[in-house]
Amino acid sequence: MEFIKKIIARLLGYKESGLLPLSPDKRDLEIGSIFDFFGGYTPKDKVKEIKTISIKDQKRLSNCTFQSATVQKEVDEGVILSARYLTAKAYQLGLCKWQGYADMRVSQVILQKYGCCEEKDCPSNSNLSFGEYVKVDFARLDRLAAEHKSKSFWKVNNINEYLKAIDEGHIVTLGIPWYSGFNQRGGFRSPWIIKYLKGYYVGGHAITGKGYKNSERLNITQNSYSGAWGDGGDLYIDYKFLDKYIRDYGAFANLDIEYSKEITSEDIITKYQLQNIRGNKNGAIYLIYQGKKYAYKNARAFIARNAKPYSYKDMFIIVKQEVIDKVPNGGLLTEDMGQYKELVANLKDPINDNFKKDGK
């Protein structure tokens, strides 16, 4: 049925959208294992919006996934980055098709391995033909792109994980099925809300999730159709709609958390003495001490030792869970064992103590 609708959309002159469905990959890091909440999630605020640095305009190109990932990474880097570089690099590596067709994971892989150069070094002129658009000086730009890498990227699987990621300050790139009725020429109008499918299917489309309006049960997202489109470049997606389709095209957040695939249990014991380690599948966080791993009982215990919450940037590194499992257990760390236990006792804000324990 969707194929027939796409053919009709082409006949009516609607441009096909360029996001491809996301295939499962067991290597994906799951953001749910980082945030440690169970069941539903209640947002912290009535309205929250992470301020982005730029609004992109893909024009006649189909590189929405690279446009959205660039906006995402700009927030972390504090500079305007080049969607053109991401697209060209993906095409050079054979990871995207002509006009920029790719899935959501591709741009995240490039950001982690190669980074992204600044817009001033590689202007994203979307008026160029695709052939001209991907002709860039990689010898020069690859070096500049390396200054803006992501340490790791994490898959967001549902609306609860999306809302938690936003509350923790992380932009989320996400994909939804795009229909002709979501375009202004297809009848999309103020208040720019998507709650159901409307019109003819034109493909998947990547957008940038940057906030929510919890009282209205709406996600605040940014499109790559310029600031003249929608609500100054924005549109709003119903919670239920996003939760229904987020798995089809995928969603990702990039985090400044180191992730090592090759590290061994011996490396953990020798190199990470008195440092915090976490597995990519288990929610427990461990302190490595004298050849053993000591699991923090809960979030309060973590703060009592580290003086900062476990969600704070660079508070632990991520390694393969099966490697951590080989390190001997040393017991549990409780809040009364930390040097900052008085800090925890005097905290005014509530702490999420739904911290996964080490099999306890």
Foldseek 3Di string as FASTA:
>chain_A
DQVVLQVVCVVVPHAFAFADWDDDDPPFQACCLAPQDDDAADFPDLKDFQDWDDAAALDNARQQLLRQVQRQLCSVVVARFESLALQLVCVVVVQADASRRHANVSSLVCLAPQATAHCVQQPQDSVDHSVVSNDDDCVPGSVRRNVRHFQHKHWDQFLRSVSVCLSLPWKKKFKFFDALCLFVVNPQDPVQEDEDDDHGTRGMGIWIFGIANNVQQWTKIFGNNALVGHPRRIHIYHRVRCRVGRNGRTMMTTALAHEDEPDALVCCQPPQAQAWEDESPHNWIWGHHNQATETEQFQLQLCLAVVDGSSDGPRYHYYHPVRNVPGHHDYYGYSVNHNNSVVSVPDPDDDPGSGDTPVD
